[in-house]
Amino acid sequence: MDIVNTLGRRKKSVARIYLSKGKGNYSINGKDYKEYFPTVALQYRITQAFKLTDSEAKYDVKANLTGGGITGQAEAFRLAVSRALVEINADNKPSLKAEGLMTRDPRMVERKKPGQKKSKKEIPVQQALIRGLYFGQNTIPNSFHRKVCLVSKLQRLMNFTTLQLFFNRM
């Protein structure tokens, strides 16, 4: 075995690894894996495939990680290592597959929708009325719609007699 080159992905993260015989050194973007992934949970994900196949101190890994956050990068690295271990020895596949390490996680961030704060989070109805979203307008609503918005806000703040005084002044 010379050097095995594999690729792993998770969300926007991409891990390109080069696995070779060695003593268990992991170099990620030129740093040690404990320096690159400071938390114990992420370090566990990095070494999980090696622990399952009893090959922790048998291979050296040089990896290039790009994109995404550190969790996505750790899981992309884990997938790439799992693929490399199967490429070296096909007997590793059942144990890795049983733990779900051979499957690429297809979940991605859902896109933001127009008129909403996020993909699912909507703006409050009062703000939508002010912006004219419920009236089919892209600009600020006309004065009638502004009055309707003001009345609905004032109903919560004032009693009925104060509202009558307010309308008499408009």
Protein backbone atom coordinates (compact mmCIF):
# COMPACT_ATOMS: atom_id res chain seq x y z
CA MET A 1 0.00 0.00 0.00
CA ASP A 2 1.34 3.38 -1.00
CA ILE A 3 -0.99 6.33 -0.37
CA VAL A 4 -4.79 6.13 -0.49
CA ASN A 5 -6.58 9.31 -1.55
CA THR A 6 -10.31 9.70 -0.72
CA LEU A 7 -12.90 12.43 -0.43
CA GLY A 8 -15.64 13.07 2.12
CA ARG A 9 -18.38 15.71 2.23
CA ARG A 10 -20.86 17.05 4.78
CA LYS A 11 -23.01 20.16 4.24
CA LYS A 12 -20.59 22.65 2.63
CA SER A 13 -17.46 20.95 3.99
CA VAL A 14 -15.07 18.93 1.83
CA ALA A 15 -12.31 16.69 3.20
CA ARG A 16 -9.53 15.38 0.95
CA ILE A 17 -7.35 12.90 2.83
CA TYR A 18 -4.17 11.02 2.05
CA LEU A 19 -3.85 7.83 4.14
CA SER A 20 -0.51 6.05 4.39
CA LYS A 21 1.23 3.55 6.67
CA GLY A 22 2.54 5.23 9.80
CA LYS A 23 2.27 5.66 13.54
CA GLY A 24 -1.12 7.37 13.95
CA ASN A 25 -0.27 11.00 13.18
CA TYR A 26 -3.15 13.14 11.88
CA SER A 27 -2.20 16.38 10.11
CA ILE A 28 -5.17 18.57 9.19
CA ASN A 29 -4.42 21.70 7.15
CA GLY A 30 -0.87 21.59 8.51
CA LYS A 31 -1.95 21.34 12.18
CA ASP A 32 -2.33 18.46 14.61
CA TYR A 33 -5.92 17.23 14.86
CA LYS A 34 -6.13 18.09 18.60
CA GLU A 35 -5.17 21.66 17.81
CA TYR A 36 -7.55 21.93 14.80
CA PHE A 37 -10.49 20.26 16.61
CA PRO A 38 -10.27 21.45 20.24
CA THR A 39 -13.33 19.68 21.70
CA VAL A 40 -13.40 16.04 22.79
CA ALA A 41 -16.56 15.32 20.78
CA LEU A 42 -14.93 16.42 17.52
CA GLN A 43 -11.73 14.52 18.31
CA TYR A 44 -13.84 11.40 18.89
CA ARG A 45 -15.43 11.81 15.46
CA ILE A 46 -11.98 12.06 13.89
CA THR A 47 -10.73 8.82 15.46
CA GLN A 48 -14.03 6.88 15.41
CA ALA A 49 -13.40 4.98 12.17
CA PHE A 50 -9.90 3.97 13.30
CA LYS A 51 -11.18 2.74 16.68
CA LEU A 52 -13.91 0.63 15.06
CA THR A 53 -11.42 -1.11 12.78
CA ASP A 54 -8.64 -1.44 15.43
CA SER A 55 -6.18 0.54 13.31
CA GLU A 56 -5.53 3.63 15.45
CA ALA A 57 -1.73 3.60 15.37
CA LYS A 58 -1.30 1.96 11.97
CA TYR A 59 -1.88 4.89 9.59
CA ASP A 60 -0.87 8.50 9.16
CA VAL A 61 -3.39 10.93 7.71
CA LYS A 62 -2.71 14.19 5.88
CA ALA A 63 -5.94 16.07 5.23
CA ASN A 64 -7.09 19.22 3.46
CA LEU A 65 -10.41 20.51 4.87
CA THR A 66 -12.33 23.36 3.27
CA GLY A 67 -15.72 25.01 3.66
CA GLY A 68 -18.41 24.84 6.30
CA GLY A 69 -17.91 24.77 10.05
CA ILE A 70 -15.81 22.55 12.26
CA THR A 71 -18.58 20.00 12.89
CA GLY A 72 -19.22 19.54 9.17
CA GLN A 73 -15.49 19.31 8.55
CA ALA A 74 -15.07 16.65 11.26
CA GLU A 75 -17.88 14.55 9.79
CA ALA A 76 -16.52 14.98 6.25
CA PHE A 77 -13.11 13.82 7.53
CA ARG A 78 -14.72 10.80 9.20
CA LEU A 79 -16.46 9.78 5.96
CA ALA A 80 -13.23 10.15 3.96
CA VAL A 81 -11.30 8.04 6.48
CA SER A 82 -14.02 5.36 6.43
CA ARG A 83 -13.86 5.20 2.64
CA ALA A 84 -10.08 4.95 2.72
CA LEU A 85 -10.14 2.13 5.28
CA VAL A 86 -12.60 0.19 3.13
CA GLU A 87 -10.42 0.79 0.07
CA ILE A 88 -7.46 -0.69 1.97
CA ASN A 89 -9.37 -3.65 3.42
CA ALA A 90 -12.92 -4.53 2.31
CA ASP A 91 -13.46 -6.52 5.54
CA ASN A 92 -13.82 -3.19 7.39
CA LYS A 93 -17.01 -2.25 5.52
CA PRO A 94 -19.62 -4.18 7.60
CA SER A 95 -18.43 -2.74 10.94
CA LEU A 96 -18.25 0.81 9.54
CA LYS A 97 -21.60 0.51 7.78
CA ALA A 98 -23.26 -0.75 10.99
CA GLU A 99 -22.20 2.48 12.72
CA GLY A 100 -23.41 4.60 9.76
CA LEU A 101 -19.95 5.84 8.80
CA MET A 102 -20.16 4.78 5.15
CA THR A 103 -23.21 6.92 4.33
CA ARG A 104 -22.90 10.52 3.19
CA ASP A 105 -25.37 12.67 5.13
CA PRO A 106 -27.43 14.40 2.41
CA ARG A 107 -28.96 17.09 4.63
CA MET A 108 -28.15 20.63 3.58
CA VAL A 109 -29.22 24.04 4.87
CA GLU A 110 -32.57 25.03 3.39
CA ARG A 111 -32.56 28.30 1.47
CA LYS A 112 -34.04 31.51 2.82
CA LYS A 113 -37.46 32.36 1.41
CA PRO A 114 -38.36 35.87 0.21
CA GLY A 115 -40.45 37.82 2.71
CA GLN A 116 -39.31 35.65 5.62
CA LYS A 117 -36.48 35.95 8.13
CA LYS A 118 -35.17 32.43 7.50
CA SER A 119 -36.29 29.33 5.61
CA LYS A 120 -39.21 28.62 7.97
CA LYS A 121 -39.30 31.60 10.36
CA GLU A 122 -41.90 34.14 9.31
CA ILE A 123 -42.11 37.79 10.35
CA PRO A 124 -44.92 38.81 12.72
CA VAL A 125 -48.24 39.66 11.06
CA GLN A 126 -48.12 43.30 12.17
CA GLN A 127 -44.76 43.83 10.47
CA ALA A 128 -46.04 42.07 7.37
CA LEU A 129 -49.04 44.42 7.27
CA ILE A 130 -46.79 47.45 7.61
CA ARG A 131 -44.53 46.21 4.81
CA GLY A 132 -47.53 45.55 2.61
CA LEU A 133 -46.90 41.84 2.17
CA TYR A 134 -50.53 40.90 2.79
CA PHE A 135 -51.80 43.54 0.36
CA GLY A 136 -49.64 42.47 -2.57
CA GLN A 137 -47.46 45.57 -2.41
CA ASN A 138 -43.68 45.77 -2.34
CA THR A 139 -43.55 49.27 -0.87
CA ILE A 140 -44.93 50.91 2.26
CA PRO A 141 -48.75 50.73 2.23
CA ASN A 142 -50.87 53.81 1.57
CA SER A 143 -52.28 55.94 4.39
CA PHE A 144 -55.43 53.80 4.83
CA HIS A 145 -53.39 50.69 5.43
CA ARG A 146 -51.13 52.59 7.81
CA LYS A 147 -54.21 53.64 9.79
CA VAL A 148 -55.40 50.02 9.95
CA CYS A 149 -52.03 48.97 11.30
CA LEU A 150 -52.03 51.76 13.84
CA VAL A 151 -55.52 50.88 15.03
CA SER A 152 -54.65 47.23 15.56
CA LYS A 153 -51.58 48.24 17.58
CA LEU A 154 -53.49 50.81 19.59
CA GLN A 155 -56.28 48.37 20.42
CA ARG A 156 -53.87 46.48 22.56
CA LEU A 157 -52.55 49.60 24.27
CA MET A 158 -55.64 51.75 24.82
CA ASN A 159 -59.27 51.39 25.74
CA PHE A 160 -62.17 52.08 23.39
CA THR A 161 -62.84 55.72 24.42
CA THR A 162 -59.27 56.73 23.73
CA LEU A 163 -59.52 55.17 20.26
CA GLN A 164 -62.59 57.31 19.48
CA LEU A 165 -60.63 60.45 20.40
CA PHE A 166 -57.76 59.30 18.22
CA PHE A 167 -59.99 58.83 15.14
CA ASN A 168 -61.67 62.17 15.61
CA ARG A 169 -58.26 63.85 15.30
CA MET A 170 -57.40 61.98 12.07
